[in-house]
Protein backbone atom coordinates (compact mmCIF):
# COMPACT_ATOMS: atom_id res chain seq x y z
CA MET A 1 0.00 0.00 0.00
CA ALA A 2 1.26 3.47 -0.86
CA GLU A 3 2.45 5.50 2.08
CA PHE A 4 3.31 9.10 2.78
CA THR A 5 6.26 10.26 4.87
CA HIS A 6 6.76 13.21 7.18
CA ILE A 7 8.89 16.18 6.18
CA SER A 8 10.11 19.15 8.20
CA VAL A 9 9.57 22.81 7.42
CA SER A 10 13.31 23.26 6.87
CA ASP A 11 13.47 20.36 4.40
CA VAL A 12 10.50 21.76 2.46
CA ALA A 13 12.21 25.16 2.36
CA LYS A 14 15.41 23.59 1.00
CA ARG A 15 13.57 21.56 -1.67
CA GLN A 16 10.82 24.04 -2.58
CA ASP A 17 11.86 24.21 -6.24
CA GLU A 18 11.27 20.49 -6.78
CA LEU A 19 8.10 20.05 -4.69
CA VAL A 20 4.43 20.57 -5.46
CA VAL A 21 2.92 22.13 -2.33
CA VAL A 22 -0.80 21.65 -1.78
CA ASP A 23 -2.51 23.56 1.02
CA ILE A 24 -5.71 21.90 2.27
CA ARG A 25 -6.76 24.69 4.63
CA ASP A 26 -10.02 26.52 3.96
CA PRO A 27 -9.97 29.05 1.08
CA GLN A 28 -10.21 32.06 3.39
CA SER A 29 -7.17 31.02 5.42
CA TYR A 30 -5.27 30.25 2.22
CA ALA A 31 -6.16 33.66 0.75
CA SER A 32 -5.01 35.52 3.87
CA ALA A 33 -1.59 33.79 3.91
CA HIS A 34 0.04 30.76 2.31
CA MET A 35 3.38 29.32 1.32
CA PRO A 36 4.92 30.64 -1.91
CA ASP A 37 3.74 28.63 -4.95
CA ALA A 38 1.28 26.59 -2.86
CA THR A 39 -1.98 25.49 -4.46
CA ASN A 40 -5.17 25.45 -2.41
CA LEU A 41 -6.48 21.89 -2.79
CA ASN A 42 -10.07 20.92 -2.00
CA ASN A 43 -12.77 18.53 -3.17
CA ASP A 44 -13.69 20.86 -6.04
CA ASN A 45 -10.25 20.83 -7.69
CA PHE A 46 -8.88 17.45 -6.54
CA ALA A 47 -9.71 15.68 -9.82
CA ALA A 48 -8.02 18.43 -11.84
CA PHE A 49 -4.96 18.21 -9.58
CA LEU A 50 -4.76 14.47 -10.22
CA GLU A 51 -5.03 15.01 -13.98
CA ARG A 52 -2.34 17.67 -14.28
CA THR A 53 0.24 16.49 -11.74
CA PRO A 54 2.76 13.83 -12.84
CA ARG A 55 2.86 10.88 -10.44
CA THR A 56 6.66 11.26 -10.32
CA GLN A 57 6.39 14.80 -8.92
CA PRO A 58 6.99 14.94 -5.14
CA VAL A 59 3.92 16.37 -3.36
CA VAL A 60 3.84 18.06 0.07
CA VAL A 61 0.50 18.38 1.85
CA VAL A 62 0.09 21.30 4.26
CA CYS A 63 -2.75 21.95 6.72
CA TYR A 64 -2.98 24.12 9.83
CA HIS A 65 -0.85 22.11 12.28
CA GLY A 66 0.23 18.95 10.46
CA VAL A 67 -2.61 16.68 11.58
CA SER A 68 -5.25 16.57 8.83
CA SER A 69 -2.52 16.74 6.19
CA GLN A 70 -1.55 13.19 7.14
CA GLN A 71 -4.89 11.77 6.05
CA ALA A 72 -4.88 13.85 2.86
CA ALA A 73 -1.31 12.77 2.10
CA GLN A 74 -2.38 9.13 2.45
CA VAL A 75 -5.23 9.68 -0.03
CA ILE A 76 -2.85 11.31 -2.53
CA ALA A 77 -0.30 8.51 -2.08
CA GLN A 78 -3.03 5.99 -2.88
CA GLN A 79 -3.54 7.74 -6.24
CA GLY A 80 -0.15 6.45 -7.39
CA PHE A 81 2.16 9.32 -6.48
CA GLU A 82 5.68 8.08 -5.80
CA GLN A 83 6.63 10.62 -3.10
CA VAL A 84 4.04 12.21 -0.84
CA TYR A 85 4.85 14.13 2.32
CA SER A 86 2.91 15.61 5.21
CA MET A 87 4.66 18.72 6.52
CA ASP A 88 5.18 18.50 10.27
CA GLY A 89 3.75 21.46 12.17
CA GLY A 90 1.68 22.60 9.20
CA PHE A 91 1.34 26.13 7.94
CA GLU A 92 1.61 27.58 11.44
CA ALA A 93 5.12 26.12 11.79
CA TRP A 94 6.03 27.43 8.32
CA ARG A 95 4.74 30.93 9.20
CA LEU A 96 7.10 31.10 12.18
CA ALA A 97 10.20 30.23 10.15
CA GLN A 98 9.64 31.10 6.49
CA PRO A 99 8.11 33.82 4.29
CA VAL A 100 4.42 33.72 3.41
CA VAL A 101 2.38 35.37 0.67
CA SER A 102 -1.23 36.48 0.48
CA ASP A 103 -3.68 36.90 -2.37
C-alpha cells in the first residue's frame, strides 16, 4: 500500500523548487496567507490536480498544524504518487520560520 512520509519545514524550504505544495486549509485562510507557490487543494479541484500532476512529482500536503494533512497525504499517495509528504507542524510552523504570501 502506498504510504506518505513526514517532512520538516526546513526540508521543504530547501527543496521548494522540486516540490508541489498543496494547502488543504479553507480558502479564506489560504487567501489571507500561504506558502509561496502553494496550491489550495479541496474537493472541487482534486480531480483536476490528479489530472495535471505527474505521479513522479513529489507532493507536500500542508494543513494548519500537520494533523489533517496526514490523512490527505495518504489519499494522494493511494492515487499512485511516488513521493508524498505531510509537513510536520503545518502552515503555522512554516509561518514562524519562512516567508508567506497572500492573495
